[in-house]
Amino acid sequence: MNEIPNIITERVDDIPLLLEQMQRMELPTLIDTHFPAHGNWYGLSLGWVSTIWLSSILSRGDHRLVHVEPWVANRLFTLQTVTGQAVERLDFTDDRLESVLRHLSDDNRWVQFESRLNQHTVRVYDLSTERMHVDSTTASAYASVSPEGLFQFGHSKDYRPDLPQVKVMQAVLDPLGMPLATDVVSGERADDPLYVPCIARVQKSLGRGGLLFVGDCKMAAHATRAFIALSGDYYLCPLPQVQLAECELEAALERVWSGDQALLSVLRAQDQGEPKLIAQGYEYEVPMSMEVEGPSREWRFEPAWPRPRRKSRRSTCAGEVAGALQRSRPYARRCTT
């Protein structure tokens, strides 16, 4: 008599791919190492619970706790086979997931975990780490506002000043886009003070100098540029009007209008044909200094001035010239220490 086989039917989707990738990153091991669980923790380890939960979020596009337990219950065979762990439905109750979040919310341990994960990922995949992009964004929601909460009213980049928001500062590998450092802060915070802590974590994670940090005009604050330059790294960002000396913009552009300043061409390589001219401009060195815990330290940077598209009436005020020109904002680039 033939034995009737036991057939298990489960929806696999992209779960094996996600879990295999996270195992190559040693995510379960690193979480267990840097976030030790309480002695009374039972069942699947905190690292594996976090990893499988993350695969659920990425696969379903839903971060809500309530749906994780039934999602796991419908894929037990797949999860057990791919991970080699004794996965059970009760490992993913709302209470267990809340406990995971509480462990991962330890800022000091998170910084150490983030640094170790970056080092491992960069080494294993032999990623280029010469250029970083640092920027912030906001996320608005129909949420309640409390004095100690993350959701606060602030300058909205989503054009929704009526909604509270959180602010996220992130440093990513450019052009890959892989996050190296992420800070989530309350929505009323200004961008300027968020750059240095984020950049410092990247420097510590990679453990090397000569990095190039690319950002927007808010990264051009004097203290931020001083921190990057005096750390042995480089920066590239638009130079806002407030960082220029009086009438410096008008004087720089006057050299172009009078024909006294030769322009350099910036070319972009094309897949086919000749390189494409995308800009013309010039640059010069400016000495900078800042007192850092004792004697003043110096570095030099090069403001690169793009060629203005049109010339307006003469003005004695740099602000008027800046307002009348199109695309004439200079870029700041640290060159030497």
C-alpha atoms as a PDB file:
ATOM      1  CA  MET A   1       0.000   0.000   0.000  1.00  0.00           C
ATOM      2  CA  ASN A   2       1.461   3.366  -1.032  1.00  0.00           C
ATOM      3  CA  GLU A   3       1.998   5.883   1.727  1.00  0.00           C
ATOM      4  CA  ILE A   4       0.244   9.199   1.189  1.00  0.00           C
ATOM      5  CA  PRO A   5       2.866  11.992   1.216  1.00  0.00           C
ATOM      6  CA  ASN A   6       2.454  14.952   3.517  1.00  0.00           C
ATOM      7  CA  ILE A   7       2.392  17.994   1.246  1.00  0.00           C
ATOM      8  CA  ILE A   8       3.053  21.417   2.773  1.00  0.00           C
ATOM      9  CA  THR A   9       1.996  24.395   0.706  1.00  0.00           C
ATOM     10  CA  GLU A  10       3.371  27.787   1.696  1.00  0.00           C
ATOM     11  CA  ARG A  11       3.809  31.090  -0.061  1.00  0.00           C
ATOM     12  CA  VAL A  12       7.555  31.653  -0.360  1.00  0.00           C
ATOM     13  CA  ASP A  13       7.763  35.009  -2.187  1.00  0.00           C
ATOM     14  CA  ASP A  14      11.165  36.688  -1.686  1.00  0.00           C
ATOM     15  CA  ILE A  15      11.717  35.357   1.842  1.00  0.00           C
ATOM     16  CA  PRO A  16      14.641  32.964   1.083  1.00  0.00           C
ATOM     17  CA  LEU A  17      16.493  35.719  -0.813  1.00  0.00           C
ATOM     18  CA  LEU A  18      16.029  38.267   1.998  1.00  0.00           C
ATOM     19  CA  LEU A  19      17.046  35.863   4.758  1.00  0.00           C
ATOM     20  CA  GLU A  20      20.076  34.587   2.854  1.00  0.00           C
ATOM     21  CA  GLN A  21      21.270  38.136   2.242  1.00  0.00           C
ATOM     22  CA  MET A  22      20.894  39.044   5.921  1.00  0.00           C
ATOM     23  CA  GLN A  23      22.752  35.913   6.953  1.00  0.00           C
ATOM     24  CA  ARG A  24      25.644  36.865   4.670  1.00  0.00           C
ATOM     25  CA  MET A  25      25.693  40.214   6.464  1.00  0.00           C
ATOM     26  CA  GLU A  26      25.867  38.242   9.757  1.00  0.00           C
ATOM     27  CA  LEU A  27      22.899  40.244  10.990  1.00  0.00           C
ATOM     28  CA  PRO A  28      21.579  37.659  13.512  1.00  0.00           C
ATOM     29  CA  THR A  29      25.029  37.148  15.035  1.00  0.00           C
ATOM     30  CA  LEU A  30      25.821  40.855  15.264  1.00  0.00           C
ATOM     31  CA  ILE A  31      22.484  41.649  16.929  1.00  0.00           C
ATOM     32  CA  ASP A  32      22.940  38.852  19.464  1.00  0.00           C
ATOM     33  CA  THR A  33      26.480  40.089  20.179  1.00  0.00           C
ATOM     34  CA  HIS A  34      25.658  43.758  20.692  1.00  0.00           C
ATOM     35  CA  PHE A  35      22.187  43.411  22.237  1.00  0.00           C
ATOM     36  CA  PRO A  36      22.423  40.594  24.805  1.00  0.00           C
ATOM     37  CA  ALA A  37      18.995  39.375  25.903  1.00  0.00           C
ATOM     38  CA  HIS A  38      17.829  38.911  29.483  1.00  0.00           C
ATOM     39  CA  GLY A  39      18.634  35.589  31.123  1.00  0.00           C
ATOM     40  CA  ASN A  40      14.947  34.639  31.115  1.00  0.00           C
ATOM     41  CA  TRP A  41      14.689  35.053  27.332  1.00  0.00           C
ATOM     42  CA  TYR A  42      13.498  31.783  25.805  1.00  0.00           C
ATOM     43  CA  GLY A  43      12.980  30.359  22.328  1.00  0.00           C
ATOM     44  CA  LEU A  44      14.444  31.920  19.193  1.00  0.00           C
ATOM     45  CA  SER A  45      17.305  34.362  19.875  1.00  0.00           C
ATOM     46  CA  LEU A  46      16.813  38.111  19.708  1.00  0.00           C
ATOM     47  CA  GLY A  47      19.015  38.270  16.592  1.00  0.00           C
ATOM     48  CA  TRP A  48      16.946  35.725  14.686  1.00  0.00           C
ATOM     49  CA  VAL A  49      13.643  37.237  15.791  1.00  0.00           C
ATOM     50  CA  SER A  50      14.861  40.631  14.531  1.00  0.00           C
ATOM     51  CA  THR A  51      16.103  39.170  11.240  1.00  0.00           C
ATOM     52  CA  ILE A  52      12.919  37.255  10.437  1.00  0.00           C
ATOM     53  CA  TRP A  53      10.811  40.237  11.483  1.00  0.00           C
ATOM     54  CA  LEU A  54      12.846  42.474   9.153  1.00  0.00           C
ATOM     55  CA  SER A  55      12.286  40.016   6.288  1.00  0.00           C
ATOM     56  CA  SER A  56       8.561  40.249   6.989  1.00  0.00           C
ATOM     57  CA  ILE A  57       8.660  44.064   6.851  1.00  0.00           C
ATOM     58  CA  LEU A  58      10.603  44.073   3.572  1.00  0.00           C
ATOM     59  CA  SER A  59       8.526  41.338   1.961  1.00  0.00           C
ATOM     60  CA  ARG A  60       5.101  42.721   2.900  1.00  0.00           C
ATOM     61  CA  GLY A  61       5.898  46.425   3.067  1.00  0.00           C
ATOM     62  CA  ASP A  62       4.127  46.589   6.436  1.00  0.00           C
ATOM     63  CA  HIS A  63       5.789  47.312   9.794  1.00  0.00           C
ATOM     64  CA  ARG A  64       2.756  46.718  12.042  1.00  0.00           C
ATOM     65  CA  LEU A  65       3.327  44.222  14.856  1.00  0.00           C
ATOM     66  CA  VAL A  66      -0.107  42.625  14.795  1.00  0.00           C
ATOM     67  CA  HIS A  67       0.408  40.925  11.410  1.00  0.00           C
ATOM     68  CA  VAL A  68       3.798  39.318  12.100  1.00  0.00           C
ATOM     69  CA  GLU A  69       2.631  36.321  14.165  1.00  0.00           C
ATOM     70  CA  PRO A  70       0.069  35.050  11.597  1.00  0.00           C
ATOM     71  CA  TRP A  71       2.576  35.744   8.795  1.00  0.00           C
ATOM     72  CA  VAL A  72       5.120  33.481  10.529  1.00  0.00           C
ATOM     73  CA  ALA A  73       2.485  30.830  11.302  1.00  0.00           C
ATOM     74  CA  ASN A  74       1.708  30.479   7.588  1.00  0.00           C
ATOM     75  CA  ARG A  75       5.414  30.031   6.669  1.00  0.00           C
ATOM     76  CA  LEU A  76       6.905  27.937   9.451  1.00  0.00           C
ATOM     77  CA  PHE A  77       8.378  25.265   7.158  1.00  0.00           C
ATOM     78  CA  THR A  78       9.981  27.846   4.873  1.00  0.00           C
ATOM     79  CA  LEU A  79      11.442  29.843   7.760  1.00  0.00           C
ATOM     80  CA  GLN A  80      12.748  26.746   9.556  1.00  0.00           C
ATOM     81  CA  THR A  81      14.333  25.389   6.374  1.00  0.00           C
ATOM     82  CA  VAL A  82      16.000  28.613   5.288  1.00  0.00           C
ATOM     83  CA  THR A  83      17.309  29.632   8.720  1.00  0.00           C
ATOM     84  CA  GLY A  84      18.012  26.198  10.210  1.00  0.00           C
ATOM     85  CA  GLN A  85      16.376  27.451  13.414  1.00  0.00           C
ATOM     86  CA  ALA A  86      13.478  26.071  15.440  1.00  0.00           C
ATOM     87  CA  VAL A  87      11.104  28.866  14.472  1.00  0.00           C
ATOM     88  CA  GLU A  88       7.781  28.900  16.329  1.00  0.00           C
ATOM     89  CA  ARG A  89       4.742  31.116  16.014  1.00  0.00           C
ATOM     90  CA  LEU A  90       4.971  32.220  19.669  1.00  0.00           C
ATOM     91  CA  ASP A  91       8.416  33.725  19.032  1.00  0.00           C
ATOM     92  CA  PHE A  92       6.654  36.589  17.234  1.00  0.00           C
ATOM     93  CA  THR A  93       3.859  37.689  19.527  1.00  0.00           C
ATOM     94  CA  ASP A  94       3.271  41.406  20.004  1.00  0.00           C
ATOM     95  CA  ASP A  95       4.875  41.268  23.466  1.00  0.00           C
ATOM     96  CA  ARG A  96       7.995  39.555  22.135  1.00  0.00           C
ATOM     97  CA  LEU A  97       8.381  42.080  19.305  1.00  0.00           C
ATOM     98  CA  GLU A  98       7.901  44.954  21.738  1.00  0.00           C
ATOM     99  CA  SER A  99      10.727  43.515  23.815  1.00  0.00           C
ATOM    100  CA  VAL A 100      12.924  43.396  20.689  1.00  0.00           C
ATOM    101  CA  LEU A 101      12.281  47.089  20.049  1.00  0.00           C
ATOM    102  CA  ARG A 102      13.151  47.927  23.634  1.00  0.00           C
ATOM    103  CA  HIS A 103      16.506  46.136  23.308  1.00  0.00           C
ATOM    104  CA  LEU A 104      17.316  47.807  19.976  1.00  0.00           C
ATOM    105  CA  SER A 105      16.497  51.287  21.333  1.00  0.00           C
ATOM    106  CA  ASP A 106      19.717  51.388  23.386  1.00  0.00           C
ATOM    107  CA  ASP A 107      21.599  54.199  21.605  1.00  0.00           C
ATOM    108  CA  ASN A 108      25.061  53.280  22.880  1.00  0.00           C
ATOM    109  CA  ARG A 109      24.751  49.653  21.834  1.00  0.00           C
ATOM    110  CA  TRP A 110      23.217  50.669  18.515  1.00  0.00           C
ATOM    111  CA  VAL A 111      26.221  52.846  17.605  1.00  0.00           C
ATOM    112  CA  GLN A 112      28.576  49.920  18.266  1.00  0.00           C
ATOM    113  CA  PHE A 113      26.360  47.539  16.289  1.00  0.00           C
ATOM    114  CA  GLU A 114      26.058  49.986  13.379  1.00  0.00           C
ATOM    115  CA  SER A 115      29.831  50.434  13.228  1.00  0.00           C
ATOM    116  CA  ARG A 116      30.512  46.695  13.237  1.00  0.00           C
ATOM    117  CA  LEU A 117      27.851  46.008  10.601  1.00  0.00           C
ATOM    118  CA  ASN A 118      29.305  48.697   8.316  1.00  0.00           C
ATOM    119  CA  GLN A 119      32.827  47.318   8.653  1.00  0.00           C
ATOM    120  CA  HIS A 120      31.674  43.782   7.884  1.00  0.00           C
ATOM    121  CA  THR A 121      29.510  44.761   4.893  1.00  0.00           C
ATOM    122  CA  VAL A 122      32.183  46.991   3.320  1.00  0.00           C
ATOM    123  CA  ARG A 123      34.825  44.276   3.736  1.00  0.00           C
ATOM    124  CA  VAL A 124      32.749  41.346   2.486  1.00  0.00           C
ATOM    125  CA  TYR A 125      31.418  43.127  -0.601  1.00  0.00           C
ATOM    126  CA  ASP A 126      34.589  45.163  -1.248  1.00  0.00           C
ATOM    127  CA  LEU A 127      32.585  48.374  -1.490  1.00  0.00           C
ATOM    128  CA  SER A 128      34.094  51.705  -2.457  1.00  0.00           C
ATOM    129  CA  THR A 129      34.040  54.077   0.527  1.00  0.00           C
ATOM    130  CA  GLU A 130      35.549  57.237  -0.938  1.00  0.00           C
ATOM    131  CA  ARG A 131      32.352  59.278  -1.271  1.00  0.00           C
ATOM    132  CA  MET A 132      29.436  59.747   1.140  1.00  0.00           C
ATOM    133  CA  HIS A 133      26.216  61.680   0.705  1.00  0.00           C
ATOM    134  CA  VAL A 134      24.783  63.258   3.856  1.00  0.00           C
ATOM    135  CA  ASP A 135      21.293  64.720   3.942  1.00  0.00           C
ATOM    136  CA  SER A 136      18.102  64.896   5.977  1.00  0.00           C
ATOM    137  CA  THR A 137      14.430  64.445   5.229  1.00  0.00           C
ATOM    138  CA  THR A 138      11.152  64.579   7.111  1.00  0.00           C
ATOM    139  CA  ALA A 139       8.166  62.248   7.377  1.00  0.00           C
ATOM    140  CA  SER A 140       4.770  63.657   8.288  1.00  0.00           C
ATOM    141  CA  ALA A 141       1.907  61.726   9.864  1.00  0.00           C
ATOM    142  CA  TYR A 142      -1.492  62.149  11.438  1.00  0.00           C
ATOM    143  CA  ALA A 143      -0.024  61.649  14.901  1.00  0.00           C
ATOM    144  CA  SER A 144      -0.463  63.125  18.348  1.00  0.00           C
ATOM    145  CA  VAL A 145       2.076  65.660  19.588  1.00  0.00           C
ATOM    146  CA  SER A 146       3.527  65.305  23.084  1.00  0.00           C
ATOM    147  CA  PRO A 147       6.340  67.326  24.724  1.00  0.00           C
ATOM    148  CA  GLU A 148       8.756  64.366  24.737  1.00  0.00           C
ATOM    149  CA  GLY A 149       7.622  62.731  21.495  1.00  0.00           C
ATOM    150  CA  LEU A 150       9.413  62.486  18.156  1.00  0.00           C
ATOM    151  CA  PHE A 151       6.467  63.882  16.211  1.00  0.00           C
ATOM    152  CA  GLN A 152       6.649  67.673  16.452  1.00  0.00           C
ATOM    153  CA  PHE A 153       5.676  70.615  14.275  1.00  0.00           C
ATOM    154  CA  GLY A 154       8.558  72.103  12.284  1.00  0.00           C
ATOM    155  CA  HIS A 155       9.635  73.279   8.848  1.00  0.00           C
ATOM    156  CA  SER A 156       7.947  70.773   6.545  1.00  0.00           C
ATOM    157  CA  LYS A 157       9.774  69.550   3.450  1.00  0.00           C
ATOM    158  CA  ASP A 158       6.533  67.790   2.472  1.00  0.00           C
ATOM    159  CA  TYR A 159       4.688  71.130   2.330  1.00  0.00           C
ATOM    160  CA  ARG A 160       2.410  69.983   5.154  1.00  0.00           C
ATOM    161  CA  PRO A 161       3.025  72.413   8.024  1.00  0.00           C
ATOM    162  CA  ASP A 162      -0.301  71.319   9.508  1.00  0.00           C
ATOM    163  CA  LEU A 163       1.062  67.826  10.298  1.00  0.00           C
ATOM    164  CA  PRO A 164       3.652  66.847  12.926  1.00  0.00           C
ATOM    165  CA  GLN A 165       6.782  65.179  11.603  1.00  0.00           C
ATOM    166  CA  VAL A 166       9.960  63.313  12.451  1.00  0.00           C
ATOM    167  CA  LYS A 167      13.325  64.181  10.942  1.00  0.00           C
ATOM    168  CA  VAL A 168      15.778  61.605   9.607  1.00  0.00           C
ATOM    169  CA  MET A 169      19.464  62.381   9.013  1.00  0.00           C
ATOM    170  CA  GLN A 170      21.328  59.774   6.993  1.00  0.00           C
ATOM    171  CA  ALA A 171      24.798  59.222   5.550  1.00  0.00           C
ATOM    172  CA  VAL A 172      24.919  56.811   2.606  1.00  0.00           C
ATOM    173  CA  LEU A 173      27.568  55.439   0.287  1.00  0.00           C
ATOM    174  CA  ASP A 174      27.486  57.344  -2.987  1.00  0.00           C
ATOM    175  CA  PRO A 175      26.419  56.181  -5.565  1.00  0.00           C
ATOM    176  CA  LEU A 176      25.353  52.823  -4.064  1.00  0.00           C
ATOM    177  CA  GLY A 177      22.983  54.402  -1.545  1.00  0.00           C
ATOM    178  CA  MET A 178      23.793  51.962   1.276  1.00  0.00           C
ATOM    179  CA  PRO A 179      23.095  53.631   4.666  1.00  0.00           C
ATOM    180  CA  LEU A 180      26.099  53.927   6.972  1.00  0.00           C
ATOM    181  CA  ALA A 181      24.571  56.081   9.726  1.00  0.00           C
ATOM    182  CA  THR A 182      20.966  57.028  10.487  1.00  0.00           C
ATOM    183  CA  ASP A 183      19.608  59.392  13.136  1.00  0.00           C
ATOM    184  CA  VAL A 184      15.898  59.848  13.839  1.00  0.00           C
ATOM    185  CA  VAL A 185      15.155  63.033  15.785  1.00  0.00           C
ATOM    186  CA  SER A 186      12.122  65.125  16.638  1.00  0.00           C
ATOM    187  CA  GLY A 187      10.597  67.102  13.801  1.00  0.00           C
ATOM    188  CA  GLU A 188      11.329  70.609  15.089  1.00  0.00           C
ATOM    189  CA  ARG A 189      15.123  70.114  15.114  1.00  0.00           C
ATOM    190  CA  ALA A 190      17.291  72.171  12.763  1.00  0.00           C
ATOM    191  CA  ASP A 191      19.478  70.385  10.203  1.00  0.00           C
ATOM    192  CA  ASP A 192      22.793  72.123  10.963  1.00  0.00           C
ATOM    193  CA  PRO A 193      23.603  70.413  14.318  1.00  0.00           C
ATOM    194  CA  LEU A 194      22.795  66.945  12.940  1.00  0.00           C
ATOM    195  CA  TYR A 195      25.661  66.716  10.437  1.00  0.00           C
ATOM    196  CA  VAL A 196      28.643  66.396  12.779  1.00  0.00           C
ATOM    197  CA  PRO A 197      27.321  63.452  14.907  1.00  0.00           C
ATOM    198  CA  CYS A 198      26.296  61.562  11.763  1.00  0.00           C
ATOM    199  CA  ILE A 199      29.612  62.198   9.993  1.00  0.00           C
ATOM    200  CA  ALA A 200      31.585  61.275  13.127  1.00  0.00           C
ATOM    201  CA  ARG A 201      29.872  57.880  13.243  1.00  0.00           C
ATOM    202  CA  VAL A 202      30.757  57.219   9.612  1.00  0.00           C
ATOM    203  CA  GLN A 203      34.389  58.136  10.260  1.00  0.00           C
ATOM    204  CA  LYS A 204      34.507  55.786  13.235  1.00  0.00           C
ATOM    205  CA  SER A 205      32.824  52.964  11.314  1.00  0.00           C
ATOM    206  CA  LEU A 206      35.161  53.081   8.330  1.00  0.00           C
ATOM    207  CA  GLY A 207      38.307  53.863  10.298  1.00  0.00           C
ATOM    208  CA  ARG A 208      40.070  55.688   7.476  1.00  0.00           C
ATOM    209  CA  GLY A 209      40.703  59.240   6.311  1.00  0.00           C
ATOM    210  CA  GLY A 210      40.434  60.986   2.981  1.00  0.00           C
ATOM    211  CA  LEU A 211      36.643  60.560   2.718  1.00  0.00           C
ATOM    212  CA  LEU A 212      34.569  62.970   0.648  1.00  0.00           C
ATOM    213  CA  PHE A 213      31.289  64.106   2.246  1.00  0.00           C
ATOM    214  CA  VAL A 214      28.752  65.595  -0.176  1.00  0.00           C
ATOM    215  CA  GLY A 215      25.799  67.575   1.161  1.00  0.00           C
ATOM    216  CA  ASP A 216      23.473  70.479   0.591  1.00  0.00           C
ATOM    217  CA  CYS A 217      23.966  74.103   1.655  1.00  0.00           C
ATOM    218  CA  LYS A 218      23.144  73.367   5.304  1.00  0.00           C
ATOM    219  CA  MET A 219      26.312  71.279   5.530  1.00  0.00           C
ATOM    220  CA  ALA A 220      28.297  74.430   4.717  1.00  0.00           C
ATOM    221  CA  ALA A 221      28.077  75.733   8.304  1.00  0.00           C
ATOM    222  CA  HIS A 222      31.537  76.838   9.427  1.00  0.00           C
ATOM    223  CA  ALA A 223      31.660  74.425  12.378  1.00  0.00           C
ATOM    224  CA  THR A 224      30.632  71.464  10.200  1.00  0.00           C
ATOM    225  CA  ARG A 225      33.222  72.197   7.530  1.00  0.00           C
ATOM    226  CA  ALA A 226      35.882  72.706  10.201  1.00  0.00           C
ATOM    227  CA  PHE A 227      35.084  69.339  11.757  1.00  0.00           C
ATOM    228  CA  ILE A 228      35.375  67.537   8.416  1.00  0.00           C
ATOM    229  CA  ALA A 229      38.551  69.310   7.303  1.00  0.00           C
ATOM    230  CA  LEU A 230      40.366  68.964  10.624  1.00  0.00           C
ATOM    231  CA  SER A 231      39.467  65.253  10.692  1.00  0.00           C
ATOM    232  CA  GLY A 232      41.481  64.769   7.503  1.00  0.00           C
ATOM    233  CA  ASP A 233      38.464  64.426   5.215  1.00  0.00           C
ATOM    234  CA  TYR A 234      36.952  66.504   2.399  1.00  0.00           C
ATOM    235  CA  TYR A 235      33.608  68.166   1.739  1.00  0.00           C
ATOM    236  CA  LEU A 236      31.642  69.359  -1.269  1.00  0.00           C
ATOM    237  CA  CYS A 237      28.501  71.459  -0.827  1.00  0.00           C
ATOM    238  CA  PRO A 238      26.767  74.589  -2.122  1.00  0.00           C
ATOM    239  CA  LEU A 239      28.065  77.696  -0.344  1.00  0.00           C
ATOM    240  CA  PRO A 240      25.109  79.772   0.916  1.00  0.00           C
ATOM    241  CA  GLN A 241      25.077  83.553   0.954  1.00  0.00           C
ATOM    242  CA  VAL A 242      25.498  83.732   4.739  1.00  0.00           C
ATOM    243  CA  GLN A 243      28.913  82.063   4.447  1.00  0.00           C
ATOM    244  CA  LEU A 244      30.273  84.690   2.048  1.00  0.00           C
ATOM    245  CA  ALA A 245      31.980  87.946   2.911  1.00  0.00           C
ATOM    246  CA  GLU A 246      30.171  91.145   1.981  1.00  0.00           C
ATOM    247  CA  CYS A 247      30.094  91.640  -1.797  1.00  0.00           C
ATOM    248  CA  GLU A 248      32.285  88.550  -2.331  1.00  0.00           C
ATOM    249  CA  LEU A 249      29.784  87.060  -4.771  1.00  0.00           C
ATOM    250  CA  GLU A 250      29.629  90.231  -6.871  1.00  0.00           C
ATOM    251  CA  ALA A 251      33.429  90.488  -6.963  1.00  0.00           C
ATOM    252  CA  ALA A 252      33.811  86.850  -8.007  1.00  0.00           C
ATOM    253  CA  LEU A 253      31.306  87.194 -10.834  1.00  0.00           C
ATOM    254  CA  GLU A 254      32.710  90.539 -11.962  1.00  0.00           C
ATOM    255  CA  ARG A 255      35.970  88.779 -12.836  1.00  0.00           C
ATOM    256  CA  VAL A 256      34.018  86.582 -15.262  1.00  0.00           C
ATOM    257  CA  TRP A 257      31.967  89.415 -16.765  1.00  0.00           C
ATOM    258  CA  SER A 258      35.070  91.546 -17.351  1.00  0.00           C
ATOM    259  CA  GLY A 259      36.885  88.696 -19.081  1.00  0.00           C
ATOM    260  CA  ASP A 260      39.763  88.718 -16.561  1.00  0.00           C
ATOM    261  CA  GLN A 261      39.028  85.199 -15.310  1.00  0.00           C
ATOM    262  CA  ALA A 262      39.530  82.162 -17.514  1.00  0.00           C
ATOM    263  CA  LEU A 263      36.906  79.438 -17.083  1.00  0.00           C
ATOM    264  CA  LEU A 264      37.410  75.722 -16.711  1.00  0.00           C
ATOM    265  CA  SER A 265      35.054  73.313 -18.471  1.00  0.00           C
ATOM    266  CA  VAL A 266      33.390  70.456 -16.608  1.00  0.00           C
ATOM    267  CA  LEU A 267      32.676  67.466 -18.852  1.00  0.00           C
ATOM    268  CA  ARG A 268      30.530  64.415 -18.276  1.00  0.00           C
ATOM    269  CA  ALA A 269      31.464  61.159 -19.984  1.00  0.00           C
ATOM    270  CA  GLN A 270      28.781  59.670 -22.245  1.00  0.00           C
ATOM    271  CA  ASP A 271      28.129  56.021 -23.062  1.00  0.00           C
ATOM    272  CA  GLN A 272      28.546  56.929 -26.698  1.00  0.00           C
ATOM    273  CA  GLY A 273      30.133  59.886 -28.408  1.00  0.00           C
ATOM    274  CA  GLU A 274      32.105  62.798 -27.059  1.00  0.00           C
ATOM    275  CA  PRO A 275      31.939  63.983 -23.413  1.00  0.00           C
ATOM    276  CA  LYS A 276      29.151  66.479 -22.724  1.00  0.00           C
ATOM    277  CA  LEU A 277      29.864  69.972 -21.420  1.00  0.00           C
ATOM    278  CA  ILE A 278      27.726  70.435 -18.285  1.00  0.00           C
ATOM    279  CA  ALA A 279      29.262  73.522 -16.637  1.00  0.00           C
ATOM    280  CA  GLN A 280      31.958  76.186 -16.733  1.00  0.00           C
ATOM    281  CA  GLY A 281      33.481  77.944 -13.771  1.00  0.00           C
ATOM    282  CA  TYR A 282      36.613  78.667 -11.767  1.00  0.00           C
ATOM    283  CA  GLU A 283      37.913  78.184  -8.246  1.00  0.00           C
ATOM    284  CA  TYR A 284      40.470  79.661  -5.873  1.00  0.00           C
ATOM    285  CA  GLU A 285      41.777  78.871  -2.400  1.00  0.00           C
ATOM    286  CA  VAL A 286      40.567  80.598   0.768  1.00  0.00           C
ATOM    287  CA  PRO A 287      42.382  80.116   4.104  1.00  0.00           C
ATOM    288  CA  MET A 288      40.097  79.120   6.989  1.00  0.00           C
ATOM    289  CA  SER A 289      40.738  78.698  10.714  1.00  0.00           C
ATOM    290  CA  MET A 290      38.897  77.693  13.868  1.00  0.00           C
ATOM    291  CA  GLU A 291      39.855  77.326  17.524  1.00  0.00           C
ATOM    292  CA  VAL A 292      39.403  73.724  18.630  1.00  0.00           C
ATOM    293  CA  GLU A 293      40.238  73.087  22.297  1.00  0.00           C
ATOM    294  CA  GLY A 294      43.304  75.316  22.323  1.00  0.00           C
ATOM    295  CA  PRO A 295      45.286  76.956  19.517  1.00  0.00           C
ATOM    296  CA  SER A 296      43.652  77.895  16.263  1.00  0.00           C
ATOM    297  CA  ARG A 297      43.840  75.257  13.508  1.00  0.00           C
ATOM    298  CA  GLU A 298      43.766  76.082   9.827  1.00  0.00           C
ATOM    299  CA  TRP A 299      42.685  74.551   6.546  1.00  0.00           C
ATOM    300  CA  ARG A 300      42.048  75.821   3.045  1.00  0.00           C
ATOM    301  CA  PHE A 301      38.990  75.457   0.855  1.00  0.00           C
ATOM    302  CA  GLU A 302      38.195  76.270  -2.748  1.00  0.00           C
ATOM    303  CA  PRO A 303      34.927  78.029  -3.633  1.00  0.00           C
ATOM    304  CA  ALA A 304      34.051  76.968  -7.173  1.00  0.00           C
ATOM    305  CA  TRP A 305      32.043  79.627  -9.003  1.00  0.00           C
ATOM    306  CA  PRO A 306      29.761  78.463 -11.834  1.00  0.00           C
ATOM    307  CA  ARG A 307      29.389  80.724 -14.814  1.00  0.00           C
ATOM    308  CA  PRO A 308      26.144  82.774 -14.584  1.00  0.00           C
ATOM    309  CA  ARG A 309      23.617  82.259 -17.344  1.00  0.00           C
ATOM    310  CA  ARG A 310      22.780  85.920 -17.663  1.00  0.00           C
ATOM    311  CA  LYS A 311      24.029  89.220 -16.414  1.00  0.00           C
ATOM    312  CA  SER A 312      21.721  91.654 -14.643  1.00  0.00           C
ATOM    313  CA  ARG A 313      22.190  95.285 -13.796  1.00  0.00           C
ATOM    314  CA  ARG A 314      25.281  96.215 -11.766  1.00  0.00           C
ATOM    315  CA  SER A 315      24.758  96.246  -8.027  1.00  0.00           C
ATOM    316  CA  THR A 316      26.820  97.102  -4.965  1.00  0.00           C
ATOM    317  CA  CYS A 317      25.065  94.487  -2.877  1.00  0.00           C
ATOM    318  CA  ALA A 318      25.944  90.790  -3.207  1.00  0.00           C
ATOM    319  CA  GLY A 319      22.446  89.857  -2.109  1.00  0.00           C
ATOM    320  CA  GLU A 320      20.897  91.746  -5.034  1.00  0.00           C
ATOM    321  CA  VAL A 321      23.297  90.135  -7.493  1.00  0.00           C
ATOM    322  CA  ALA A 322      22.580  86.672  -6.084  1.00  0.00           C
ATOM    323  CA  GLY A 323      18.863  87.220  -6.440  1.00  0.00           C
ATOM    324  CA  ALA A 324      19.181  88.425 -10.018  1.00  0.00           C
ATOM    325  CA  LEU A 325      21.371  85.599 -11.288  1.00  0.00           C
ATOM    326  CA  GLN A 326      20.316  82.112 -12.223  1.00  0.00           C
ATOM    327  CA  ARG A 327      22.370  79.155 -10.990  1.00  0.00           C
ATOM    328  CA  SER A 328      25.238  81.289  -9.675  1.00  0.00           C
ATOM    329  CA  ARG A 329      25.589  79.676  -6.235  1.00  0.00           C
ATOM    330  CA  PRO A 330      29.207  78.739  -5.504  1.00  0.00           C
ATOM    331  CA  TYR A 331      30.320  75.336  -4.211  1.00  0.00           C
ATOM    332  CA  ALA A 332      32.673  74.900  -1.268  1.00  0.00           C
ATOM    333  CA  ARG A 333      35.390  72.255  -1.523  1.00  0.00           C
ATOM    334  CA  ARG A 334      37.983  71.572   1.141  1.00  0.00           C
ATOM    335  CA  CYS A 335      41.396  71.131  -0.465  1.00  0.00           C
ATOM    336  CA  THR A 336      44.239  71.065   2.089  1.00  0.00           C
ATOM    337  CA  THR A 337      44.800  71.184   5.831  1.00  0.00           C
END
